[in-house]
Amino acid sequence: MSDDLRTYADRKVWVFLTDGRTLVGELTGFDQRTNLILTKAEERIYSATEPVKSVPIGVYIIKGDTIGIIGQIDEELESQVDHDNLMVDPIEPLVL
């Protein structure tokens, strides 16, 4: 997976953790165990009854075995989403 992560280096990514949390940030580092370093990171908290909350974190290190999904964000599409009014059910934690 480390080779695949090279394409995401220095780009904005979305990371879903196995505990159900969602993080967004710039991928600035990773290793062979898929441990990640995000900068400009924020946690996005989803709710079916309230708009999405973005909690700024700054620099965040993620242990590789807690990552469920990672993907690059299309920043053009991202800019078109009205997160202040978006209400959506949160994704359930992954059961491994």
PDB file of N, CA and C in Angstrom:
ATOM      1  N   MET A   1       0.815  -1.197   0.000  1.00  0.00           N
ATOM      2  CA  MET A   1       0.000   0.000   0.000  1.00  0.00           C
ATOM      3  C   MET A   1       0.859   1.261   0.000  1.00  0.00           C
ATOM      4  N   SER A   2       2.063   1.179   0.526  1.00  0.00           N
ATOM      5  CA  SER A   2       2.929   2.354   0.587  1.00  0.00           C
ATOM      6  C   SER A   2       3.194   2.941  -0.789  1.00  0.00           C
ATOM      7  N   ASP A   3       3.386   2.073  -1.795  1.00  0.00           N
ATOM      8  CA  ASP A   3       3.612   2.576  -3.146  1.00  0.00           C
ATOM      9  C   ASP A   3       2.398   3.343  -3.652  1.00  0.00           C
ATOM     10  N   ASP A   4       1.201   2.849  -3.342  1.00  0.00           N
ATOM     11  CA  ASP A   4      -0.018   3.536  -3.752  1.00  0.00           C
ATOM     12  C   ASP A   4      -0.150   4.890  -3.067  1.00  0.00           C
ATOM     13  N   LEU A   5       0.334   5.001  -1.849  1.00  0.00           N
ATOM     14  CA  LEU A   5       0.237   6.262  -1.113  1.00  0.00           C
ATOM     15  C   LEU A   5       1.100   7.357  -1.730  1.00  0.00           C
ATOM     16  N   ARG A   6       2.109   6.978  -2.484  1.00  0.00           N
ATOM     17  CA  ARG A   6       2.962   7.992  -3.130  1.00  0.00           C
ATOM     18  C   ARG A   6       2.139   8.933  -4.004  1.00  0.00           C
ATOM     19  N   THR A   7       1.087   8.407  -4.633  1.00  0.00           N
ATOM     20  CA  THR A   7       0.257   9.253  -5.498  1.00  0.00           C
ATOM     21  C   THR A   7      -0.537  10.282  -4.697  1.00  0.00           C
ATOM     22  N   TYR A   8      -0.713  10.051  -3.396  1.00  0.00           N
ATOM     23  CA  TYR A   8      -1.449  10.975  -2.536  1.00  0.00           C
ATOM     24  C   TYR A   8      -0.533  11.966  -1.815  1.00  0.00           C
ATOM     25  N   ALA A   9       0.770  11.791  -1.927  1.00  0.00           N
ATOM     26  CA  ALA A   9       1.715  12.635  -1.186  1.00  0.00           C
ATOM     27  C   ALA A   9       1.503  14.109  -1.517  1.00  0.00           C
ATOM     28  N   ASP A  10       1.473  14.922  -0.478  1.00  0.00           N
ATOM     29  CA  ASP A  10       1.293  16.372  -0.581  1.00  0.00           C
ATOM     30  C   ASP A  10      -0.050  16.760  -1.185  1.00  0.00           C
ATOM     31  N   ARG A  11      -1.033  15.888  -1.050  1.00  0.00           N
ATOM     32  CA  ARG A  11      -2.384  16.166  -1.547  1.00  0.00           C
ATOM     33  C   ARG A  11      -3.385  16.018  -0.405  1.00  0.00           C
ATOM     34  N   LYS A  12      -4.554  16.599  -0.606  1.00  0.00           N
ATOM     35  CA  LYS A  12      -5.607  16.522   0.402  1.00  0.00           C
ATOM     36  C   LYS A  12      -6.261  15.150   0.329  1.00  0.00           C
ATOM     37  N   VAL A  13      -6.341  14.481   1.490  1.00  0.00           N
ATOM     38  CA  VAL A  13      -6.909  13.134   1.544  1.00  0.00           C
ATOM     39  C   VAL A  13      -8.013  13.061   2.596  1.00  0.00           C
ATOM     40  N   TRP A  14      -8.853  12.051   2.428  1.00  0.00           N
ATOM     41  CA  TRP A  14      -9.932  11.716   3.362  1.00  0.00           C
ATOM     42  C   TRP A  14      -9.563  10.371   3.963  1.00  0.00           C
ATOM     43  N   VAL A  15      -9.582  10.271   5.282  1.00  0.00           N
ATOM     44  CA  VAL A  15      -9.202   9.027   5.961  1.00  0.00           C
ATOM     45  C   VAL A  15     -10.343   8.612   6.887  1.00  0.00           C
ATOM     46  N   PHE A  16     -10.863   7.400   6.675  1.00  0.00           N
ATOM     47  CA  PHE A  16     -11.872   6.837   7.566  1.00  0.00           C
ATOM     48  C   PHE A  16     -11.166   5.851   8.476  1.00  0.00           C
ATOM     49  N   LEU A  17     -11.277   6.068   9.782  1.00  0.00           N
ATOM     50  CA  LEU A  17     -10.619   5.203  10.753  1.00  0.00           C
ATOM     51  C   LEU A  17     -11.557   4.084  11.188  1.00  0.00           C
ATOM     52  N   THR A  18     -10.982   2.990  11.630  1.00  0.00           N
ATOM     53  CA  THR A  18     -11.784   1.826  12.013  1.00  0.00           C
ATOM     54  C   THR A  18     -12.723   2.113  13.184  1.00  0.00           C
ATOM     55  N   ASP A  19     -12.436   3.148  13.974  1.00  0.00           N
ATOM     56  CA  ASP A  19     -13.324   3.484  15.097  1.00  0.00           C
ATOM     57  C   ASP A  19     -14.489   4.383  14.678  1.00  0.00           C
ATOM     58  N   GLY A  20     -14.575   4.708  13.382  1.00  0.00           N
ATOM     59  CA  GLY A  20     -15.681   5.499  12.867  1.00  0.00           C
ATOM     60  C   GLY A  20     -15.379   6.969  12.654  1.00  0.00           C
ATOM     61  N   ARG A  21     -14.213   7.431  13.088  1.00  0.00           N
ATOM     62  CA  ARG A  21     -13.865   8.839  12.889  1.00  0.00           C
ATOM     63  C   ARG A  21     -13.429   9.084  11.449  1.00  0.00           C
ATOM     64  N   THR A  22     -13.645  10.329  10.991  1.00  0.00           N
ATOM     65  CA  THR A  22     -13.256  10.740   9.650  1.00  0.00           C
ATOM     66  C   THR A  22     -12.317  11.931   9.764  1.00  0.00           C
ATOM     67  N   LEU A  23     -11.161  11.836   9.113  1.00  0.00           N
ATOM     68  CA  LEU A  23     -10.175  12.911   9.130  1.00  0.00           C
ATOM     69  C   LEU A  23      -9.902  13.369   7.705  1.00  0.00           C
ATOM     70  N   VAL A  24      -9.630  14.658   7.563  1.00  0.00           N
ATOM     71  CA  VAL A  24      -9.256  15.236   6.279  1.00  0.00           C
ATOM     72  C   VAL A  24      -8.001  16.055   6.519  1.00  0.00           C
ATOM     73  N   GLY A  25      -7.038  15.955   5.604  1.00  0.00           N
ATOM     74  CA  GLY A  25      -5.818  16.741   5.737  1.00  0.00           C
ATOM     75  C   GLY A  25      -4.877  16.479   4.589  1.00  0.00           C
ATOM     76  N   GLU A  26      -3.747  17.154   4.616  1.00  0.00           N
ATOM     77  CA  GLU A  26      -2.734  16.985   3.580  1.00  0.00           C
ATOM     78  C   GLU A  26      -1.774  15.881   4.006  1.00  0.00           C
ATOM     79  N   LEU A  27      -1.617  14.881   3.155  1.00  0.00           N
ATOM     80  CA  LEU A  27      -0.720  13.766   3.458  1.00  0.00           C
ATOM     81  C   LEU A  27       0.716  14.217   3.237  1.00  0.00           C
ATOM     82  N   THR A  28       1.460  14.361   4.327  1.00  0.00           N
ATOM     83  CA  THR A  28       2.836  14.834   4.208  1.00  0.00           C
ATOM     84  C   THR A  28       3.871  13.762   4.514  1.00  0.00           C
ATOM     85  N   GLY A  29       3.428  12.611   5.017  1.00  0.00           N
ATOM     86  CA  GLY A  29       4.380  11.536   5.284  1.00  0.00           C
ATOM     87  C   GLY A  29       3.684  10.219   5.539  1.00  0.00           C
ATOM     88  N   PHE A  30       4.418   9.136   5.265  1.00  0.00           N
ATOM     89  CA  PHE A  30       3.918   7.785   5.531  1.00  0.00           C
ATOM     90  C   PHE A  30       5.106   6.838   5.542  1.00  0.00           C
ATOM     91  N   ASP A  31       4.888   5.632   6.070  1.00  0.00           N
ATOM     92  CA  ASP A  31       5.955   4.636   6.084  1.00  0.00           C
ATOM     93  C   ASP A  31       5.436   3.299   5.573  1.00  0.00           C
ATOM     94  N   GLN A  32       6.284   2.269   5.644  1.00  0.00           N
ATOM     95  CA  GLN A  32       5.940   0.950   5.113  1.00  0.00           C
ATOM     96  C   GLN A  32       4.810   0.274   5.883  1.00  0.00           C
ATOM     97  N   ARG A  33       4.502   0.744   7.077  1.00  0.00           N
ATOM     98  CA  ARG A  33       3.395   0.177   7.864  1.00  0.00           C
ATOM     99  C   ARG A  33       2.110   0.986   7.697  1.00  0.00           C
ATOM    100  N   THR A  34       2.112   1.895   6.739  1.00  0.00           N
ATOM    101  CA  THR A  34       0.977   2.759   6.432  1.00  0.00           C
ATOM    102  C   THR A  34       0.632   3.713   7.577  1.00  0.00           C
ATOM    103  N   ASN A  35       1.586   3.999   8.453  1.00  0.00           N
ATOM    104  CA  ASN A  35       1.401   5.084   9.411  1.00  0.00           C
ATOM    105  C   ASN A  35       1.421   6.380   8.599  1.00  0.00           C
ATOM    106  N   LEU A  36       0.532   7.308   8.914  1.00  0.00           N
ATOM    107  CA  LEU A  36       0.405   8.533   8.127  1.00  0.00           C
ATOM    108  C   LEU A  36       0.682   9.763   8.967  1.00  0.00           C
ATOM    109  N   ILE A  37       1.167  10.804   8.306  1.00  0.00           N
ATOM    110  CA  ILE A  37       1.265  12.129   8.911  1.00  0.00           C
ATOM    111  C   ILE A  37       0.407  13.061   8.069  1.00  0.00           C
ATOM    112  N   LEU A  38      -0.594  13.653   8.715  1.00  0.00           N
ATOM    113  CA  LEU A  38      -1.437  14.647   8.053  1.00  0.00           C
ATOM    114  C   LEU A  38      -1.117  16.017   8.626  1.00  0.00           C
ATOM    115  N   THR A  39      -1.072  17.021   7.762  1.00  0.00           N
ATOM    116  CA  THR A  39      -0.988  18.407   8.208  1.00  0.00           C
ATOM    117  C   THR A  39      -2.274  19.099   7.776  1.00  0.00           C
ATOM    118  N   LYS A  40      -2.541  20.241   8.372  1.00  0.00           N
ATOM    119  CA  LYS A  40      -3.790  20.964   8.110  1.00  0.00           C
ATOM    120  C   LYS A  40      -4.977  20.019   8.310  1.00  0.00           C
ATOM    121  N   ALA A  41      -4.860  19.150   9.300  1.00  0.00           N
ATOM    122  CA  ALA A  41      -5.872  18.111   9.522  1.00  0.00           C
ATOM    123  C   ALA A  41      -7.078  18.652  10.281  1.00  0.00           C
ATOM    124  N   GLU A  42      -8.208  18.029  10.000  1.00  0.00           N
ATOM    125  CA  GLU A  42      -9.436  18.313  10.736  1.00  0.00           C
ATOM    126  C   GLU A  42     -10.231  17.023  10.851  1.00  0.00           C
ATOM    127  N   GLU A  43     -10.966  16.909  11.937  1.00  0.00           N
ATOM    128  CA  GLU A  43     -11.892  15.791  12.083  1.00  0.00           C
ATOM    129  C   GLU A  43     -13.258  16.283  11.652  1.00  0.00           C
ATOM    130  N   ARG A  44     -13.926  15.495  10.822  1.00  0.00           N
ATOM    131  CA  ARG A  44     -15.285  15.829  10.401  1.00  0.00           C
ATOM    132  C   ARG A  44     -16.242  14.921  11.151  1.00  0.00           C
ATOM    133  N   ILE A  45     -17.168  15.552  11.853  1.00  0.00           N
ATOM    134  CA  ILE A  45     -18.136  14.815  12.658  1.00  0.00           C
ATOM    135  C   ILE A  45     -19.492  14.914  11.963  1.00  0.00           C
ATOM    136  N   TYR A  46     -20.004  13.756  11.549  1.00  0.00           N
ATOM    137  CA  TYR A  46     -21.259  13.696  10.802  1.00  0.00           C
ATOM    138  C   TYR A  46     -22.415  13.352  11.727  1.00  0.00           C
ATOM    139  N   SER A  47     -23.589  13.909  11.404  1.00  0.00           N
ATOM    140  CA  SER A  47     -24.799  13.655  12.184  1.00  0.00           C
ATOM    141  C   SER A  47     -26.007  13.781  11.257  1.00  0.00           C
ATOM    142  N   ALA A  48     -27.010  12.964  11.491  1.00  0.00           N
ATOM    143  CA  ALA A  48     -28.239  13.040  10.701  1.00  0.00           C
ATOM    144  C   ALA A  48     -29.118  14.204  11.141  1.00  0.00           C
ATOM    145  N   THR A  49     -28.833  14.778  12.302  1.00  0.00           N
ATOM    146  CA  THR A  49     -29.683  15.842  12.847  1.00  0.00           C
ATOM    147  C   THR A  49     -29.004  17.206  12.942  1.00  0.00           C
ATOM    148  N   GLU A  50     -27.692  17.254  12.701  1.00  0.00           N
ATOM    149  CA  GLU A  50     -26.946  18.510  12.772  1.00  0.00           C
ATOM    150  C   GLU A  50     -25.992  18.592  11.589  1.00  0.00           C
ATOM    151  N   PRO A  51     -25.646  19.815  11.160  1.00  0.00           N
ATOM    152  CA  PRO A  51     -24.673  19.943  10.072  1.00  0.00           C
ATOM    153  C   PRO A  51     -23.314  19.354  10.455  1.00  0.00           C
ATOM    154  N   VAL A  52     -22.531  19.046   9.448  1.00  0.00           N
ATOM    155  CA  VAL A  52     -21.187  18.502   9.652  1.00  0.00           C
ATOM    156  C   VAL A  52     -20.369  19.493  10.473  1.00  0.00           C
ATOM    157  N   LYS A  53     -19.675  18.986  11.483  1.00  0.00           N
ATOM    158  CA  LYS A  53     -18.768  19.810  12.287  1.00  0.00           C
ATOM    159  C   LYS A  53     -17.347  19.497  11.858  1.00  0.00           C
ATOM    160  N   SER A  54     -16.553  20.536  11.634  1.00  0.00           N
ATOM    161  CA  SER A  54     -15.137  20.368  11.328  1.00  0.00           C
ATOM    162  C   SER A  54     -14.332  20.867  12.513  1.00  0.00           C
ATOM    163  N   VAL A  55     -13.560  19.974  13.107  1.00  0.00           N
ATOM    164  CA  VAL A  55     -12.750  20.308  14.275  1.00  0.00           C
ATOM    165  C   VAL A  55     -11.286  20.357  13.839  1.00  0.00           C
ATOM    166  N   PRO A  56     -10.675  21.554  13.799  1.00  0.00           N
ATOM    167  CA  PRO A  56      -9.277  21.657  13.393  1.00  0.00           C
ATOM    168  C   PRO A  56      -8.361  20.903  14.359  1.00  0.00           C
ATOM    169  N   ILE A  57      -7.402  20.171  13.804  1.00  0.00           N
ATOM    170  CA  ILE A  57      -6.455  19.400  14.607  1.00  0.00           C
ATOM    171  C   ILE A  57      -5.028  19.885  14.373  1.00  0.00           C
ATOM    172  N   GLY A  58      -4.699  20.270  13.143  1.00  0.00           N
ATOM    173  CA  GLY A  58      -3.332  20.660  12.801  1.00  0.00           C
ATOM    174  C   GLY A  58      -2.560  19.463  12.296  1.00  0.00           C
ATOM    175  N   VAL A  59      -1.434  19.157  12.930  1.00  0.00           N
ATOM    176  CA  VAL A  59      -0.629  17.984  12.547  1.00  0.00           C
ATOM    177  C   VAL A  59      -1.167  16.769  13.296  1.00  0.00           C
ATOM    178  N   TYR A  60      -1.339  15.652  12.570  1.00  0.00           N
ATOM    179  CA  TYR A  60      -1.917  14.457  13.184  1.00  0.00           C
ATOM    180  C   TYR A  60      -1.200  13.228  12.649  1.00  0.00           C
ATOM    181  N   ILE A  61      -0.795  12.353  13.540  1.00  0.00           N
ATOM    182  CA  ILE A  61      -0.150  11.093  13.153  1.00  0.00           C
ATOM    183  C   ILE A  61      -1.163   9.974  13.346  1.00  0.00           C
ATOM    184  N   ILE A  62      -1.340   9.167  12.303  1.00  0.00           N
ATOM    185  CA  ILE A  62      -2.326   8.081  12.331  1.00  0.00           C
ATOM    186  C   ILE A  62      -1.599   6.750  12.252  1.00  0.00           C
ATOM    187  N   LYS A  63      -1.869   5.882  13.193  1.00  0.00           N
ATOM    188  CA  LYS A  63      -1.293   4.535  13.188  1.00  0.00           C
ATOM    189  C   LYS A  63      -1.938   3.728  12.056  1.00  0.00           C
ATOM    190  N   GLY A  64      -1.118   3.070  11.268  1.00  0.00           N
ATOM    191  CA  GLY A  64      -1.584   2.377  10.076  1.00  0.00           C
ATOM    192  C   GLY A  64      -2.673   1.359  10.300  1.00  0.00           C
ATOM    193  N   ASP A  65      -2.633   0.639  11.418  1.00  0.00           N
ATOM    194  CA  ASP A  65      -3.639  -0.406  11.629  1.00  0.00           C
ATOM    195  C   ASP A  65      -4.992   0.144  12.076  1.00  0.00           C
ATOM    196  N   THR A  66      -5.129   1.472  12.179  1.00  0.00           N
ATOM    197  CA  THR A  66      -6.426   2.073  12.502  1.00  0.00           C
ATOM    198  C   THR A  66      -7.117   2.651  11.265  1.00  0.00           C
ATOM    199  N   ILE A  67      -6.477   2.515  10.106  1.00  0.00           N
ATOM    200  CA  ILE A  67      -7.025   3.082   8.874  1.00  0.00           C
ATOM    201  C   ILE A  67      -7.944   2.070   8.201  1.00  0.00           C
ATOM    202  N   GLY A  68      -9.175   2.499   7.937  1.00  0.00           N
ATOM    203  CA  GLY A  68     -10.118   1.659   7.208  1.00  0.00           C
ATOM    204  C   GLY A  68     -10.077   1.956   5.723  1.00  0.00           C
ATOM    205  N   ILE A  69     -10.129   3.247   5.369  1.00  0.00           N
ATOM    206  CA  ILE A  69     -10.150   3.686   3.976  1.00  0.00           C
ATOM    207  C   ILE A  69      -9.377   4.993   3.886  1.00  0.00           C
ATOM    208  N   ILE A  70      -8.650   5.173   2.783  1.00  0.00           N
ATOM    209  CA  ILE A  70      -8.013   6.454   2.500  1.00  0.00           C
ATOM    210  C   ILE A  70      -8.204   6.760   1.024  1.00  0.00           C
ATOM    211  N   GLY A  71      -8.480   8.019   0.726  1.00  0.00           N
ATOM    212  CA  GLY A  71      -8.648   8.415  -0.666  1.00  0.00           C
ATOM    213  C   GLY A  71      -8.329   9.880  -0.850  1.00  0.00           C
ATOM    214  N   GLN A  72      -7.954  10.219  -2.070  1.00  0.00           N
ATOM    215  CA  GLN A  72      -7.652  11.606  -2.389  1.00  0.00           C
ATOM    216  C   GLN A  72      -8.948  12.378  -2.583  1.00  0.00           C
ATOM    217  N   ILE A  73      -8.974  13.606  -2.107  1.00  0.00           N
ATOM    218  CA  ILE A  73     -10.146  14.466  -2.252  1.00  0.00           C
ATOM    219  C   ILE A  73     -10.013  15.272  -3.535  1.00  0.00           C
ATOM    220  N   ASP A  74     -11.079  15.294  -4.320  1.00  0.00           N
ATOM    221  CA  ASP A  74     -11.160  16.160  -5.489  1.00  0.00           C
ATOM    222  C   ASP A  74     -11.526  17.547  -4.957  1.00  0.00           C
ATOM    223  N   GLU A  75     -10.550  18.435  -4.910  1.00  0.00           N
ATOM    224  CA  GLU A  75     -10.763  19.728  -4.258  1.00  0.00           C
ATOM    225  C   GLU A  75     -11.789  20.590  -4.984  1.00  0.00           C
ATOM    226  N   GLU A  76     -11.936  20.411  -6.290  1.00  0.00           N
ATOM    227  CA  GLU A  76     -12.953  21.165  -7.025  1.00  0.00           C
ATOM    228  C   GLU A  76     -14.354  20.734  -6.581  1.00  0.00           C
ATOM    229  N   LEU A  77     -14.578  19.427  -6.497  1.00  0.00           N
ATOM    230  CA  LEU A  77     -15.871  18.928  -6.017  1.00  0.00           C
ATOM    231  C   LEU A  77     -16.086  19.281  -4.549  1.00  0.00           C
ATOM    232  N   GLU A  78     -15.035  19.170  -3.762  1.00  0.00           N
ATOM    233  CA  GLU A  78     -15.109  19.479  -2.326  1.00  0.00           C
ATOM    234  C   GLU A  78     -15.563  20.918  -2.098  1.00  0.00           C
ATOM    235  N   SER A  79     -15.091  21.833  -2.929  1.00  0.00           N
ATOM    236  CA  SER A  79     -15.451  23.245  -2.763  1.00  0.00           C
ATOM    237  C   SER A  79     -16.922  23.506  -3.081  1.00  0.00           C
ATOM    238  N   GLN A  80     -17.566  22.590  -3.789  1.00  0.00           N
ATOM    239  CA  GLN A  80     -18.976  22.755  -4.150  1.00  0.00           C
ATOM    240  C   GLN A  80     -19.930  22.209  -3.080  1.00  0.00           C
ATOM    241  N   VAL A  81     -19.403  21.486  -2.104  1.00  0.00           N
ATOM    242  CA  VAL A  81     -20.239  20.901  -1.055  1.00  0.00           C
ATOM    243  C   VAL A  81     -20.468  21.936   0.048  1.00  0.00           C
ATOM    244  N   ASP A  82     -21.723  22.135   0.412  1.00  0.00           N
ATOM    245  CA  ASP A  82     -22.079  23.066   1.482  1.00  0.00           C
ATOM    246  C   ASP A  82     -22.079  22.306   2.811  1.00  0.00           C
ATOM    247  N   HIS A  83     -20.904  22.169   3.419  1.00  0.00           N
ATOM    248  CA  HIS A  83     -20.768  21.411   4.666  1.00  0.00           C
ATOM    249  C   HIS A  83     -21.545  22.046   5.818  1.00  0.00           C
ATOM    250  N   ASP A  84     -21.780  23.364   5.745  1.00  0.00           N
ATOM    251  CA  ASP A  84     -22.502  24.049   6.825  1.00  0.00           C
ATOM    252  C   ASP A  84     -23.962  23.617   6.914  1.00  0.00           C
ATOM    253  N   ASN A  85     -24.488  23.057   5.834  1.00  0.00           N
ATOM    254  CA  ASN A  85     -25.888  22.623   5.826  1.00  0.00           C
ATOM    255  C   ASN A  85     -26.044  21.141   5.525  1.00  0.00           C
ATOM    256  N   LEU A  86     -24.947  20.418   5.449  1.00  0.00           N
ATOM    257  CA  LEU A  86     -24.979  18.992   5.121  1.00  0.00           C
ATOM    258  C   LEU A  86     -25.256  18.168   6.371  1.00  0.00           C
ATOM    259  N   MET A  87     -26.319  17.375   6.327  1.00  0.00           N
ATOM    260  CA  MET A  87     -26.642  16.460   7.424  1.00  0.00           C
ATOM    261  C   MET A  87     -26.682  15.050   6.840  1.00  0.00           C
ATOM    262  N   VAL A  88     -25.920  14.161   7.429  1.00  0.00           N
ATOM    263  CA  VAL A  88     -25.805  12.806   6.892  1.00  0.00           C
ATOM    264  C   VAL A  88     -25.518  11.843   8.039  1.00  0.00           C
ATOM    265  N   ASP A  89     -26.054  10.637   7.932  1.00  0.00           N
ATOM    266  CA  ASP A  89     -25.774   9.630   8.958  1.00  0.00           C
ATOM    267  C   ASP A  89     -24.280   9.331   8.998  1.00  0.00           C
ATOM    268  N   PRO A  90     -23.708   9.232  10.180  1.00  0.00           N
ATOM    269  CA  PRO A  90     -22.291   8.861  10.279  1.00  0.00           C
ATOM    270  C   PRO A  90     -22.086   7.412   9.849  1.00  0.00           C
ATOM    271  N   ILE A  91     -20.883   7.116   9.399  1.00  0.00           N
ATOM    272  CA  ILE A  91     -20.518   5.744   9.042  1.00  0.00           C
ATOM    273  C   ILE A  91     -20.217   4.997  10.334  1.00  0.00           C
ATOM    274  N   GLU A  92     -20.714   3.805  10.444  1.00  0.00           N
ATOM    275  CA  GLU A  92     -20.480   2.987  11.637  1.00  0.00           C
ATOM    276  C   GLU A  92     -19.017   2.538  11.688  1.00  0.00           C
ATOM    277  N   PRO A  93     -18.478   2.309  12.878  1.00  0.00           N
ATOM    278  CA  PRO A  93     -17.115   1.772  12.995  1.00  0.00           C
ATOM    279  C   PRO A  93     -16.991   0.434  12.262  1.00  0.00           C
ATOM    280  N   LEU A  94     -15.792   0.175  11.760  1.00  0.00           N
ATOM    281  CA  LEU A  94     -15.530  -1.093  11.084  1.00  0.00           C
ATOM    282  C   LEU A  94     -15.321  -2.196  12.105  1.00  0.00           C
ATOM    283  N   VAL A  95     -15.852  -3.346  11.834  1.00  0.00           N
ATOM    284  CA  VAL A  95     -15.641  -4.513  12.689  1.00  0.00           C
ATOM    285  C   VAL A  95     -14.684  -5.428  11.947  1.00  0.00           C
ATOM    286  N   LEU A  96     -13.506  -5.598  12.500  1.00  0.00           N
ATOM    287  CA  LEU A  96     -12.494  -6.428  11.833  1.00  0.00           C
ATOM    288  C   LEU A  96     -12.413  -7.792  12.457  1.00  0.00           C
TER     289      LEU A  96
END
